[in-house]
Amino acid sequence: MVETPAGDRGRALGEIRRGLPRRLALRQGKPRASCRVAAAVFFAFSSAVWALLPLIARNLLGGDAGYYGILLGAVGAGAIGGAVLMPKLRARFDADTLLLGAAGVTAAVMAGLSFAPSQWLAPVVLLALGAAWITALTTLNGAAQSILPNWVRGRSLAVYLTVFNGAMTAGSLIWGVVAEAAGVPLTLLIGAAGLFAVGLVFHPLKLPRGEADLSRRIIGRSRSPPSPSRMIEARS
């Protein structure tokens, strides 16, 4: 087995520390929500519909495995439609409005499903869920990438994706426990109310925009890594 020299390990750990979004945290007097916090909150609440969708299909809508596949297909079709409309939406609305709209639509879909609509209406409702989901994903992903300089983008996006998957995982576990105690319809209503509420709370905080925003948050740090020549000079 090849061992990594201690010096290389130290440099690697140093680069990880420099790349962590926590090192690039918001450091302005006016409080703002970062895209990581917004993503964690949004996906934690919206994960209720994904975690409970099999139960929705079977218990609330009286469907089977084939019908569950139809519901998933409706979500995918809605996501494709949302992606097609995304350029027009971005031309008319800013990122914060798009995220608030996605939260509102997702909350409305969750609330609508709690009332057990007919089997033909549920796929139509889930078209809206797919469009809202792709809107939130692209908006948050775009915000996460646009505020980062190239040299740190990969490491910071890795942390952002960890937050996204962690929020989905933890949210699904929590909503499953809640559904076991309170039932699927009430759990969907709780998730919808919570998602809409946090959407309204976070909307005034504004997502960060552009690398110019980032430059104001990095205090006493260069926006690019040291060049190899500077590293050699520092060691000599």
C-alpha atoms as a PDB file:
ATOM      1  CA  MET A   1       0.000   0.000   0.000  1.00  0.00           C
ATOM      2  CA  VAL A   2       1.307   3.432  -0.972  1.00  0.00           C
ATOM      3  CA  GLU A   3       1.521   5.834   1.944  1.00  0.00           C
ATOM      4  CA  THR A   4       0.830   9.523   1.490  1.00  0.00           C
ATOM      5  CA  PRO A   5       3.623  11.745   2.847  1.00  0.00           C
ATOM      6  CA  ALA A   6       2.664  13.738   5.908  1.00  0.00           C
ATOM      7  CA  GLY A   7       3.365  16.985   4.055  1.00  0.00           C
ATOM      8  CA  ASP A   8       0.951  16.087   1.271  1.00  0.00           C
ATOM      9  CA  ARG A   9      -1.700  15.154   3.808  1.00  0.00           C
ATOM     10  CA  GLY A  10      -1.230  18.483   5.532  1.00  0.00           C
ATOM     11  CA  ARG A  11      -1.557  20.375   2.266  1.00  0.00           C
ATOM     12  CA  ALA A  12      -4.672  18.383   1.369  1.00  0.00           C
ATOM     13  CA  LEU A  13      -6.296  19.147   4.708  1.00  0.00           C
ATOM     14  CA  GLY A  14      -5.396  22.774   4.276  1.00  0.00           C
ATOM     15  CA  GLU A  15      -7.039  22.879   0.858  1.00  0.00           C
ATOM     16  CA  ILE A  16     -10.160  21.231   2.272  1.00  0.00           C
ATOM     17  CA  ARG A  17     -10.341  23.832   5.008  1.00  0.00           C
ATOM     18  CA  ARG A  18      -9.948  26.590   2.466  1.00  0.00           C
ATOM     19  CA  GLY A  19     -12.637  25.071   0.292  1.00  0.00           C
ATOM     20  CA  LEU A  20     -15.262  24.537   2.937  1.00  0.00           C
ATOM     21  CA  PRO A  21     -18.168  26.910   2.449  1.00  0.00           C
ATOM     22  CA  ARG A  22     -18.015  27.561   6.172  1.00  0.00           C
ATOM     23  CA  ARG A  23     -14.805  29.445   5.530  1.00  0.00           C
ATOM     24  CA  LEU A  24     -16.707  31.441   2.931  1.00  0.00           C
ATOM     25  CA  ALA A  25     -19.697  32.025   5.201  1.00  0.00           C
ATOM     26  CA  LEU A  26     -21.774  35.167   5.120  1.00  0.00           C
ATOM     27  CA  ARG A  27     -19.884  37.855   6.987  1.00  0.00           C
ATOM     28  CA  GLN A  28     -21.932  40.975   6.354  1.00  0.00           C
ATOM     29  CA  GLY A  29     -23.666  43.115   8.939  1.00  0.00           C
ATOM     30  CA  LYS A  30     -27.026  42.560   7.262  1.00  0.00           C
ATOM     31  CA  PRO A  31     -28.050  38.930   7.823  1.00  0.00           C
ATOM     32  CA  ARG A  32     -28.641  36.884   4.673  1.00  0.00           C
ATOM     33  CA  ALA A  33     -29.526  33.270   4.046  1.00  0.00           C
ATOM     34  CA  SER A  34     -26.913  31.231   2.199  1.00  0.00           C
ATOM     35  CA  CYS A  35     -27.951  28.831  -0.528  1.00  0.00           C
ATOM     36  CA  ARG A  36     -26.890  25.910   1.690  1.00  0.00           C
ATOM     37  CA  VAL A  37     -29.300  26.905   4.452  1.00  0.00           C
ATOM     38  CA  ALA A  38     -32.067  27.576   1.957  1.00  0.00           C
ATOM     39  CA  ALA A  39     -31.477  24.201   0.317  1.00  0.00           C
ATOM     40  CA  ALA A  40     -31.461  22.359   3.633  1.00  0.00           C
ATOM     41  CA  VAL A  41     -34.740  23.930   4.735  1.00  0.00           C
ATOM     42  CA  PHE A  42     -36.496  23.557   1.379  1.00  0.00           C
ATOM     43  CA  PHE A  43     -35.539  19.933   0.801  1.00  0.00           C
ATOM     44  CA  ALA A  44     -36.117  18.900   4.412  1.00  0.00           C
ATOM     45  CA  PHE A  45     -39.757  19.982   4.210  1.00  0.00           C
ATOM     46  CA  SER A  46     -40.418  18.979   0.611  1.00  0.00           C
ATOM     47  CA  SER A  47     -38.962  15.520   1.216  1.00  0.00           C
ATOM     48  CA  ALA A  48     -42.285  14.639   2.846  1.00  0.00           C
ATOM     49  CA  VAL A  49     -43.983  14.150  -0.502  1.00  0.00           C
ATOM     50  CA  TRP A  50     -41.153  11.943  -1.805  1.00  0.00           C
ATOM     51  CA  ALA A  51     -40.979   9.836   1.344  1.00  0.00           C
ATOM     52  CA  LEU A  52     -44.739   9.318   1.460  1.00  0.00           C
ATOM     53  CA  LEU A  53     -45.506   9.037  -2.260  1.00  0.00           C
ATOM     54  CA  PRO A  54     -45.753   5.204  -2.224  1.00  0.00           C
ATOM     55  CA  LEU A  55     -48.248   5.417   0.646  1.00  0.00           C
ATOM     56  CA  ILE A  56     -50.107   8.184  -1.136  1.00  0.00           C
ATOM     57  CA  ALA A  57     -50.430   6.040  -4.239  1.00  0.00           C
ATOM     58  CA  ARG A  58     -51.614   2.950  -2.344  1.00  0.00           C
ATOM     59  CA  ASN A  59     -53.522   4.203   0.701  1.00  0.00           C
ATOM     60  CA  LEU A  60     -54.932   7.559  -0.384  1.00  0.00           C
ATOM     61  CA  LEU A  61     -55.420   7.015  -4.092  1.00  0.00           C
ATOM     62  CA  GLY A  62     -56.057   3.267  -4.131  1.00  0.00           C
ATOM     63  CA  GLY A  63     -53.426   2.547  -6.761  1.00  0.00           C
ATOM     64  CA  ASP A  64     -50.954  -0.258  -7.307  1.00  0.00           C
ATOM     65  CA  ALA A  65     -47.299  -0.396  -8.312  1.00  0.00           C
ATOM     66  CA  GLY A  66     -48.157   0.518 -11.890  1.00  0.00           C
ATOM     67  CA  TYR A  67     -50.055   3.587 -10.745  1.00  0.00           C
ATOM     68  CA  TYR A  68     -47.120   4.615  -8.574  1.00  0.00           C
ATOM     69  CA  GLY A  69     -44.977   4.490 -11.708  1.00  0.00           C
ATOM     70  CA  ILE A  70     -47.488   6.757 -13.452  1.00  0.00           C
ATOM     71  CA  LEU A  71     -47.177   9.267 -10.615  1.00  0.00           C
ATOM     72  CA  LEU A  72     -43.404   9.268 -10.872  1.00  0.00           C
ATOM     73  CA  GLY A  73     -43.653   9.656 -14.625  1.00  0.00           C
ATOM     74  CA  ALA A  74     -45.924  12.675 -14.136  1.00  0.00           C
ATOM     75  CA  VAL A  75     -43.314  14.266 -11.878  1.00  0.00           C
ATOM     76  CA  GLY A  76     -40.647  13.661 -14.519  1.00  0.00           C
ATOM     77  CA  ALA A  77     -42.816  15.102 -17.277  1.00  0.00           C
ATOM     78  CA  GLY A  78     -43.480  18.166 -15.153  1.00  0.00           C
ATOM     79  CA  ALA A  79     -39.751  18.584 -14.562  1.00  0.00           C
ATOM     80  CA  ILE A  80     -39.108  18.508 -18.310  1.00  0.00           C
ATOM     81  CA  GLY A  81     -41.795  21.105 -18.866  1.00  0.00           C
ATOM     82  CA  GLY A  82     -40.360  23.261 -16.104  1.00  0.00           C
ATOM     83  CA  ALA A  83     -36.884  23.034 -17.638  1.00  0.00           C
ATOM     84  CA  VAL A  84     -38.273  24.178 -20.992  1.00  0.00           C
ATOM     85  CA  LEU A  85     -39.972  27.170 -19.363  1.00  0.00           C
ATOM     86  CA  MET A  86     -37.015  28.019 -17.123  1.00  0.00           C
ATOM     87  CA  PRO A  87     -35.338  30.573 -19.446  1.00  0.00           C
ATOM     88  CA  LYS A  88     -38.577  32.575 -19.666  1.00  0.00           C
ATOM     89  CA  LEU A  89     -39.116  32.366 -15.918  1.00  0.00           C
ATOM     90  CA  ARG A  90     -35.577  33.565 -15.186  1.00  0.00           C
ATOM     91  CA  ALA A  91     -36.051  36.464 -17.559  1.00  0.00           C
ATOM     92  CA  ARG A  92     -39.091  37.659 -15.602  1.00  0.00           C
ATOM     93  CA  PHE A  93     -38.286  36.721 -11.993  1.00  0.00           C
ATOM     94  CA  ASP A  94     -35.208  36.764  -9.778  1.00  0.00           C
ATOM     95  CA  ALA A  95     -33.880  33.712  -7.943  1.00  0.00           C
ATOM     96  CA  ASP A  96     -35.611  34.536  -4.668  1.00  0.00           C
ATOM     97  CA  THR A  97     -39.023  34.845  -6.322  1.00  0.00           C
ATOM     98  CA  LEU A  98     -38.507  31.586  -8.221  1.00  0.00           C
ATOM     99  CA  LEU A  99     -37.591  29.765  -5.022  1.00  0.00           C
ATOM    100  CA  LEU A 100     -40.599  31.196  -3.192  1.00  0.00           C
ATOM    101  CA  GLY A 101     -42.840  30.164  -6.076  1.00  0.00           C
ATOM    102  CA  ALA A 102     -41.397  26.654  -6.071  1.00  0.00           C
ATOM    103  CA  ALA A 103     -42.007  26.382  -2.332  1.00  0.00           C
ATOM    104  CA  GLY A 104     -45.573  27.622  -2.734  1.00  0.00           C
ATOM    105  CA  VAL A 105     -46.390  25.229  -5.567  1.00  0.00           C
ATOM    106  CA  THR A 106     -44.818  22.270  -3.751  1.00  0.00           C
ATOM    107  CA  ALA A 107     -46.759  23.117  -0.593  1.00  0.00           C
ATOM    108  CA  ALA A 108     -49.995  23.391  -2.597  1.00  0.00           C
ATOM    109  CA  VAL A 109     -49.387  20.001  -4.209  1.00  0.00           C
ATOM    110  CA  MET A 110     -48.704  18.383  -0.830  1.00  0.00           C
ATOM    111  CA  ALA A 111     -51.870  19.901   0.615  1.00  0.00           C
ATOM    112  CA  GLY A 112     -53.882  18.812  -2.411  1.00  0.00           C
ATOM    113  CA  LEU A 113     -52.648  15.230  -2.185  1.00  0.00           C
ATOM    114  CA  SER A 114     -53.666  15.079   1.472  1.00  0.00           C
ATOM    115  CA  PHE A 115     -57.310  15.322   0.402  1.00  0.00           C
ATOM    116  CA  ALA A 116     -56.980  12.173  -1.746  1.00  0.00           C
ATOM    117  CA  PRO A 117     -57.861  13.487  -5.217  1.00  0.00           C
ATOM    118  CA  SER A 118     -59.141  11.135  -7.898  1.00  0.00           C
ATOM    119  CA  GLN A 119     -56.691   8.851  -9.667  1.00  0.00           C
ATOM    120  CA  TRP A 120     -56.845  10.854 -12.892  1.00  0.00           C
ATOM    121  CA  LEU A 121     -56.327  14.203 -11.133  1.00  0.00           C
ATOM    122  CA  ALA A 122     -53.300  13.211  -9.027  1.00  0.00           C
ATOM    123  CA  PRO A 123     -50.911  12.856 -12.023  1.00  0.00           C
ATOM    124  CA  VAL A 124     -51.993  16.289 -13.237  1.00  0.00           C
ATOM    125  CA  VAL A 125     -51.197  17.734  -9.808  1.00  0.00           C
ATOM    126  CA  LEU A 126     -47.805  16.046  -9.809  1.00  0.00           C
ATOM    127  CA  LEU A 127     -46.936  17.738 -13.092  1.00  0.00           C
ATOM    128  CA  ALA A 128     -46.825  20.950 -11.086  1.00  0.00           C
ATOM    129  CA  LEU A 129     -44.651  19.271  -8.459  1.00  0.00           C
ATOM    130  CA  GLY A 130     -42.102  18.275 -11.098  1.00  0.00           C
ATOM    131  CA  ALA A 131     -41.964  21.795 -12.496  1.00  0.00           C
ATOM    132  CA  ALA A 132     -41.557  23.284  -9.012  1.00  0.00           C
ATOM    133  CA  TRP A 133     -38.872  20.743  -8.097  1.00  0.00           C
ATOM    134  CA  ILE A 134     -36.703  21.456 -11.136  1.00  0.00           C
ATOM    135  CA  THR A 135     -37.158  25.188 -10.549  1.00  0.00           C
ATOM    136  CA  ALA A 136     -35.890  24.911  -6.972  1.00  0.00           C
ATOM    137  CA  LEU A 137     -33.008  22.621  -7.966  1.00  0.00           C
ATOM    138  CA  THR A 138     -31.721  24.815 -10.774  1.00  0.00           C
ATOM    139  CA  THR A 139     -32.177  28.012  -8.773  1.00  0.00           C
ATOM    140  CA  LEU A 140     -30.261  26.748  -5.744  1.00  0.00           C
ATOM    141  CA  ASN A 141     -27.600  25.001  -7.827  1.00  0.00           C
ATOM    142  CA  GLY A 142     -27.095  28.132  -9.896  1.00  0.00           C
ATOM    143  CA  ALA A 143     -26.775  30.283  -6.780  1.00  0.00           C
ATOM    144  CA  ALA A 144     -24.313  27.839  -5.232  1.00  0.00           C
ATOM    145  CA  GLN A 145     -22.091  27.888  -8.316  1.00  0.00           C
ATOM    146  CA  SER A 146     -22.284  31.547  -9.245  1.00  0.00           C
ATOM    147  CA  ILE A 147     -20.970  32.869  -5.925  1.00  0.00           C
ATOM    148  CA  LEU A 148     -17.855  30.684  -5.927  1.00  0.00           C
ATOM    149  CA  PRO A 149     -14.517  31.326  -7.646  1.00  0.00           C
ATOM    150  CA  ASN A 150     -13.275  28.546  -9.907  1.00  0.00           C
ATOM    151  CA  TRP A 151     -10.516  27.340  -7.622  1.00  0.00           C
ATOM    152  CA  VAL A 152     -12.883  26.452  -4.780  1.00  0.00           C
ATOM    153  CA  ARG A 153     -16.053  25.605  -6.703  1.00  0.00           C
ATOM    154  CA  GLY A 154     -15.701  21.818  -6.769  1.00  0.00           C
ATOM    155  CA  ARG A 155     -15.045  21.449  -3.038  1.00  0.00           C
ATOM    156  CA  SER A 156     -17.805  23.829  -2.062  1.00  0.00           C
ATOM    157  CA  LEU A 157     -20.337  22.170  -4.354  1.00  0.00           C
ATOM    158  CA  ALA A 158     -19.457  18.841  -2.749  1.00  0.00           C
ATOM    159  CA  VAL A 159     -20.475  20.287   0.618  1.00  0.00           C
ATOM    160  CA  TYR A 160     -23.637  21.752  -0.923  1.00  0.00           C
ATOM    161  CA  LEU A 161     -24.592  18.336  -2.356  1.00  0.00           C
ATOM    162  CA  THR A 162     -23.928  16.777   1.041  1.00  0.00           C
ATOM    163  CA  VAL A 163     -26.354  19.259   2.575  1.00  0.00           C
ATOM    164  CA  PHE A 164     -28.932  18.475  -0.119  1.00  0.00           C
ATOM    165  CA  ASN A 165     -28.732  14.710   0.323  1.00  0.00           C
ATOM    166  CA  GLY A 166     -28.543  14.978   4.094  1.00  0.00           C
ATOM    167  CA  ALA A 167     -31.663  17.140   4.209  1.00  0.00           C
ATOM    168  CA  MET A 168     -33.539  14.687   1.997  1.00  0.00           C
ATOM    169  CA  THR A 169     -32.429  11.717   4.093  1.00  0.00           C
ATOM    170  CA  ALA A 170     -33.122  13.263   7.487  1.00  0.00           C
ATOM    171  CA  GLY A 171     -36.377  14.772   6.294  1.00  0.00           C
ATOM    172  CA  SER A 172     -37.616  11.460   4.915  1.00  0.00           C
ATOM    173  CA  LEU A 173     -36.868   9.700   8.196  1.00  0.00           C
ATOM    174  CA  ILE A 174     -38.622  12.367  10.233  1.00  0.00           C
ATOM    175  CA  TRP A 175     -41.699  12.510   8.002  1.00  0.00           C
ATOM    176  CA  GLY A 176     -41.952   8.731   8.101  1.00  0.00           C
ATOM    177  CA  VAL A 177     -42.039   8.802  11.894  1.00  0.00           C
ATOM    178  CA  VAL A 178     -44.615  11.598  11.854  1.00  0.00           C
ATOM    179  CA  ALA A 179     -46.787   9.715   9.354  1.00  0.00           C
ATOM    180  CA  GLU A 180     -46.652   6.605  11.530  1.00  0.00           C
ATOM    181  CA  ALA A 181     -48.032   8.605  14.444  1.00  0.00           C
ATOM    182  CA  ALA A 182     -50.351  11.108  12.764  1.00  0.00           C
ATOM    183  CA  GLY A 183     -51.260   9.496   9.444  1.00  0.00           C
ATOM    184  CA  VAL A 184     -50.314  10.391   5.880  1.00  0.00           C
ATOM    185  CA  PRO A 185     -52.887  13.164   5.217  1.00  0.00           C
ATOM    186  CA  LEU A 186     -52.059  15.148   8.357  1.00  0.00           C
ATOM    187  CA  THR A 187     -48.329  14.722   7.765  1.00  0.00           C
ATOM    188  CA  LEU A 188     -48.685  16.147   4.260  1.00  0.00           C
ATOM    189  CA  LEU A 189     -50.593  19.112   5.626  1.00  0.00           C
ATOM    190  CA  ILE A 190     -47.953  19.732   8.298  1.00  0.00           C
ATOM    191  CA  GLY A 191     -45.184  19.545   5.711  1.00  0.00           C
ATOM    192  CA  ALA A 192     -47.067  21.855   3.342  1.00  0.00           C
ATOM    193  CA  ALA A 193     -47.701  24.439   6.048  1.00  0.00           C
ATOM    194  CA  GLY A 194     -44.082  24.290   7.218  1.00  0.00           C
ATOM    195  CA  LEU A 195     -42.685  24.601   3.686  1.00  0.00           C
ATOM    196  CA  PHE A 196     -44.880  27.575   2.857  1.00  0.00           C
ATOM    197  CA  ALA A 197     -44.036  29.260   6.162  1.00  0.00           C
ATOM    198  CA  VAL A 198     -40.264  28.907   5.783  1.00  0.00           C
ATOM    199  CA  GLY A 199     -40.561  30.056   2.183  1.00  0.00           C
ATOM    200  CA  LEU A 200     -42.119  33.297   3.368  1.00  0.00           C
ATOM    201  CA  VAL A 201     -39.566  33.665   6.172  1.00  0.00           C
ATOM    202  CA  PHE A 202     -36.533  33.127   3.946  1.00  0.00           C
ATOM    203  CA  HIS A 203     -37.768  35.178   0.994  1.00  0.00           C
ATOM    204  CA  PRO A 204     -36.732  38.584   2.419  1.00  0.00           C
ATOM    205  CA  LEU A 205     -33.261  37.254   3.300  1.00  0.00           C
ATOM    206  CA  LYS A 206     -32.236  36.922  -0.368  1.00  0.00           C
ATOM    207  CA  LEU A 207     -29.893  34.398  -1.927  1.00  0.00           C
ATOM    208  CA  PRO A 208     -26.304  35.535  -2.562  1.00  0.00           C
ATOM    209  CA  ARG A 209     -25.609  36.524  -6.147  1.00  0.00           C
ATOM    210  CA  GLY A 210     -22.401  36.474  -8.094  1.00  0.00           C
ATOM    211  CA  GLU A 211     -18.746  36.372  -7.214  1.00  0.00           C
ATOM    212  CA  ALA A 212     -18.937  40.046  -6.273  1.00  0.00           C
ATOM    213  CA  ASP A 213     -21.043  39.031  -3.295  1.00  0.00           C
ATOM    214  CA  LEU A 214     -18.420  36.501  -2.304  1.00  0.00           C
ATOM    215  CA  SER A 215     -15.589  39.012  -2.486  1.00  0.00           C
ATOM    216  CA  ARG A 216     -17.242  41.069   0.242  1.00  0.00           C
ATOM    217  CA  ARG A 217     -17.466  38.021   2.504  1.00  0.00           C
ATOM    218  CA  ILE A 218     -13.853  36.885   2.273  1.00  0.00           C
ATOM    219  CA  ILE A 219     -11.962  39.047   4.731  1.00  0.00           C
ATOM    220  CA  GLY A 220      -8.208  39.020   4.454  1.00  0.00           C
ATOM    221  CA  ARG A 221      -8.157  36.210   1.880  1.00  0.00           C
ATOM    222  CA  SER A 222      -7.273  36.053  -1.769  1.00  0.00           C
ATOM    223  CA  ARG A 223      -9.997  35.024  -4.217  1.00  0.00           C
ATOM    224  CA  SER A 224      -7.556  32.661  -5.943  1.00  0.00           C
ATOM    225  CA  PRO A 225      -5.138  30.070  -4.569  1.00  0.00           C
ATOM    226  CA  PRO A 226      -1.479  30.902  -4.297  1.00  0.00           C
ATOM    227  CA  SER A 227       0.482  30.282  -7.461  1.00  0.00           C
ATOM    228  CA  PRO A 228       3.078  27.441  -7.507  1.00  0.00           C
ATOM    229  CA  SER A 229       5.888  29.995  -7.650  1.00  0.00           C
ATOM    230  CA  ARG A 230       4.665  31.639  -4.444  1.00  0.00           C
ATOM    231  CA  MET A 231       4.408  28.264  -2.724  1.00  0.00           C
ATOM    232  CA  ILE A 232       8.004  27.455  -3.696  1.00  0.00           C
ATOM    233  CA  GLU A 233       9.203  30.850  -2.467  1.00  0.00           C
ATOM    234  CA  ALA A 234       7.385  30.339   0.838  1.00  0.00           C
ATOM    235  CA  ARG A 235       9.118  26.999   1.416  1.00  0.00           C
ATOM    236  CA  SER A 236      12.595  28.236   0.559  1.00  0.00           C
END
